[in-house]
Amino acid sequence: MTPNEIPKEKPNPERVAVLRSLPLEVKEKITGEEAAAFMYCRPLPDSLLEKLKEYIVLDEKDQQA
């Protein structure tokens, strides 16, 4: 895929703000692929969920699964 073929989607500003608000030691562990998945509302890799487990609040429906 060439740069001209990449869709011009924009990151979710609220999610960008969340990433920026994380402590530096957490941000340093997040890969570019994980950050992109989070900012662009894509399915989150398990590796990212593990890194953010102290900051994630599950919905009630997620806790029943």
N, C-alpha and C. Protein backbone atom coordinates (compact mmCIF):
# COMPACT_ATOMS: atom_id res chain seq x y z
N MET A 1 0.86 -1.18 0.00
CA MET A 1 0.00 0.00 0.00
C MET A 1 0.90 1.24 0.00
N THR A 2 0.66 2.13 -0.91
CA THR A 2 1.45 3.35 -0.99
C THR A 2 0.83 4.41 -0.10
N PRO A 3 1.60 5.46 0.24
CA PRO A 3 1.03 6.52 1.09
C PRO A 3 -0.24 7.14 0.51
N ASN A 4 -0.36 7.15 -0.81
CA ASN A 4 -1.56 7.74 -1.44
C ASN A 4 -2.78 6.84 -1.27
N GLU A 5 -2.57 5.55 -0.97
CA GLU A 5 -3.68 4.63 -0.82
C GLU A 5 -4.19 4.53 0.61
N ILE A 6 -3.47 5.11 1.56
CA ILE A 6 -3.87 5.05 2.96
C ILE A 6 -5.11 5.92 3.16
N PRO A 7 -6.16 5.36 3.76
CA PRO A 7 -7.37 6.16 3.98
C PRO A 7 -7.08 7.37 4.88
N LYS A 8 -7.78 8.43 4.63
CA LYS A 8 -7.56 9.68 5.37
C LYS A 8 -8.45 9.77 6.60
N GLU A 9 -8.52 8.68 7.36
CA GLU A 9 -9.33 8.72 8.57
C GLU A 9 -8.60 9.54 9.64
N LYS A 10 -9.37 10.10 10.53
CA LYS A 10 -8.80 10.92 11.60
C LYS A 10 -8.93 10.19 12.92
N PRO A 11 -7.93 10.35 13.79
CA PRO A 11 -8.02 9.70 15.09
C PRO A 11 -9.12 10.32 15.95
N ASN A 12 -9.65 9.53 16.85
CA ASN A 12 -10.67 9.99 17.78
C ASN A 12 -9.99 10.93 18.79
N PRO A 13 -10.37 12.22 18.83
CA PRO A 13 -9.68 13.18 19.70
C PRO A 13 -9.73 12.81 21.18
N GLU A 14 -10.82 12.19 21.62
CA GLU A 14 -10.92 11.79 23.02
C GLU A 14 -9.92 10.69 23.34
N ARG A 15 -9.74 9.77 22.41
CA ARG A 15 -8.79 8.68 22.62
C ARG A 15 -7.35 9.19 22.56
N VAL A 16 -7.10 10.15 21.70
CA VAL A 16 -5.76 10.77 21.65
C VAL A 16 -5.46 11.42 23.00
N ALA A 17 -6.44 12.12 23.55
CA ALA A 17 -6.26 12.77 24.85
C ALA A 17 -5.99 11.74 25.95
N VAL A 18 -6.66 10.60 25.89
CA VAL A 18 -6.44 9.54 26.88
C VAL A 18 -5.00 9.05 26.79
N LEU A 19 -4.52 8.78 25.58
CA LEU A 19 -3.14 8.32 25.43
C LEU A 19 -2.15 9.36 25.97
N ARG A 20 -2.40 10.61 25.68
CA ARG A 20 -1.50 11.67 26.15
C ARG A 20 -1.50 11.80 27.66
N SER A 21 -2.61 11.43 28.30
CA SER A 21 -2.71 11.60 29.74
C SER A 21 -2.08 10.44 30.53
N LEU A 22 -1.69 9.38 29.84
CA LEU A 22 -1.10 8.24 30.53
C LEU A 22 0.28 8.60 31.08
N PRO A 23 0.68 7.95 32.16
CA PRO A 23 2.03 8.18 32.70
C PRO A 23 3.09 7.80 31.66
N LEU A 24 4.21 8.49 31.68
CA LEU A 24 5.27 8.28 30.71
C LEU A 24 5.72 6.82 30.65
N GLU A 25 5.84 6.17 31.81
CA GLU A 25 6.31 4.79 31.81
C GLU A 25 5.35 3.85 31.09
N VAL A 26 4.08 4.19 31.05
CA VAL A 26 3.09 3.39 30.30
C VAL A 26 3.19 3.72 28.82
N LYS A 27 3.24 5.01 28.49
CA LYS A 27 3.33 5.42 27.08
C LYS A 27 4.56 4.84 26.40
N GLU A 28 5.66 4.73 27.12
CA GLU A 28 6.89 4.20 26.52
C GLU A 28 6.76 2.74 26.12
N LYS A 29 5.84 2.02 26.73
CA LYS A 29 5.65 0.59 26.45
C LYS A 29 4.68 0.33 25.30
N ILE A 30 3.90 1.34 24.92
CA ILE A 30 2.88 1.16 23.88
C ILE A 30 3.52 1.29 22.50
N THR A 31 3.27 0.29 21.64
CA THR A 31 3.82 0.32 20.29
C THR A 31 2.98 1.24 19.39
N GLY A 32 3.53 1.58 18.26
CA GLY A 32 2.79 2.40 17.30
C GLY A 32 1.53 1.71 16.82
N GLU A 33 1.62 0.41 16.61
CA GLU A 33 0.46 -0.37 16.17
C GLU A 33 -0.63 -0.36 17.23
N GLU A 34 -0.25 -0.50 18.49
CA GLU A 34 -1.23 -0.49 19.59
C GLU A 34 -1.87 0.89 19.71
N ALA A 35 -1.06 1.94 19.61
CA ALA A 35 -1.59 3.31 19.71
C ALA A 35 -2.56 3.59 18.57
N ALA A 36 -2.21 3.16 17.37
CA ALA A 36 -3.09 3.39 16.21
C ALA A 36 -4.41 2.66 16.39
N ALA A 37 -4.36 1.43 16.86
CA ALA A 37 -5.60 0.68 17.09
C ALA A 37 -6.49 1.42 18.07
N PHE A 38 -5.90 1.94 19.13
CA PHE A 38 -6.67 2.66 20.15
C PHE A 38 -7.25 3.96 19.58
N MET A 39 -6.41 4.76 18.92
CA MET A 39 -6.84 6.08 18.43
C MET A 39 -7.86 5.99 17.32
N TYR A 40 -7.78 4.92 16.51
CA TYR A 40 -8.69 4.79 15.37
C TYR A 40 -9.84 3.83 15.64
N CYS A 41 -10.08 3.52 16.92
CA CYS A 41 -11.22 2.70 17.35
C CYS A 41 -11.27 1.33 16.67
N ARG A 42 -10.10 0.74 16.50
CA ARG A 42 -10.00 -0.60 15.93
C ARG A 42 -9.97 -1.61 17.08
N PRO A 43 -10.13 -2.89 16.77
CA PRO A 43 -10.02 -3.89 17.83
C PRO A 43 -8.67 -3.77 18.54
N LEU A 44 -8.70 -3.80 19.86
CA LEU A 44 -7.48 -3.61 20.63
C LEU A 44 -6.73 -4.92 20.81
N PRO A 45 -5.42 -4.90 20.55
CA PRO A 45 -4.63 -6.10 20.77
C PRO A 45 -4.59 -6.46 22.26
N ASP A 46 -4.50 -7.74 22.54
CA ASP A 46 -4.42 -8.18 23.94
C ASP A 46 -3.23 -7.55 24.65
N SER A 47 -2.13 -7.34 23.90
CA SER A 47 -0.94 -6.73 24.51
C SER A 47 -1.23 -5.33 25.03
N LEU A 48 -2.05 -4.58 24.32
CA LEU A 48 -2.41 -3.23 24.77
C LEU A 48 -3.34 -3.30 25.98
N LEU A 49 -4.28 -4.22 25.94
CA LEU A 49 -5.19 -4.37 27.07
C LEU A 49 -4.42 -4.71 28.34
N GLU A 50 -3.40 -5.54 28.21
CA GLU A 50 -2.57 -5.89 29.37
C GLU A 50 -1.84 -4.66 29.91
N LYS A 51 -1.32 -3.83 29.01
CA LYS A 51 -0.58 -2.63 29.43
C LYS A 51 -1.49 -1.60 30.08
N LEU A 52 -2.76 -1.58 29.69
CA LEU A 52 -3.70 -0.58 30.19
C LEU A 52 -4.64 -1.12 31.26
N LYS A 53 -4.41 -2.34 31.73
CA LYS A 53 -5.38 -2.96 32.64
C LYS A 53 -5.66 -2.15 33.90
N GLU A 54 -4.70 -1.37 34.36
CA GLU A 54 -4.93 -0.55 35.56
C GLU A 54 -5.76 0.70 35.27
N TYR A 55 -5.97 1.00 33.99
CA TYR A 55 -6.67 2.22 33.60
C TYR A 55 -8.00 1.94 32.91
N ILE A 56 -8.33 0.67 32.70
CA ILE A 56 -9.55 0.31 31.97
C ILE A 56 -10.67 -0.01 32.95
N VAL A 57 -11.84 0.53 32.68
CA VAL A 57 -13.04 0.21 33.44
C VAL A 57 -13.97 -0.52 32.48
N LEU A 58 -14.31 -1.76 32.81
CA LEU A 58 -15.16 -2.55 31.97
C LEU A 58 -16.63 -2.20 32.18
N ASP A 59 -17.39 -2.27 31.08
CA ASP A 59 -18.84 -2.10 31.19
C ASP A 59 -19.41 -3.29 31.94
N GLU A 60 -20.58 -3.11 32.52
CA GLU A 60 -21.23 -4.20 33.25
C GLU A 60 -21.42 -5.41 32.35
N LYS A 61 -21.81 -5.21 31.09
CA LYS A 61 -22.03 -6.32 30.17
C LYS A 61 -20.74 -7.08 29.89
N ASP A 62 -19.57 -6.39 29.91
CA ASP A 62 -18.29 -7.04 29.68
C ASP A 62 -17.91 -7.91 30.88
N GLN A 63 -18.29 -7.51 32.07
CA GLN A 63 -17.94 -8.25 33.26
C GLN A 63 -18.74 -9.54 33.40
N GLN A 64 -19.92 -9.60 32.76
CA GLN A 64 -20.76 -10.79 32.83
C GLN A 64 -20.33 -11.86 31.86
N ALA A 65 -19.49 -11.52 30.89
CA ALA A 65 -19.07 -12.49 29.86
C ALA A 65 -18.17 -13.55 30.40
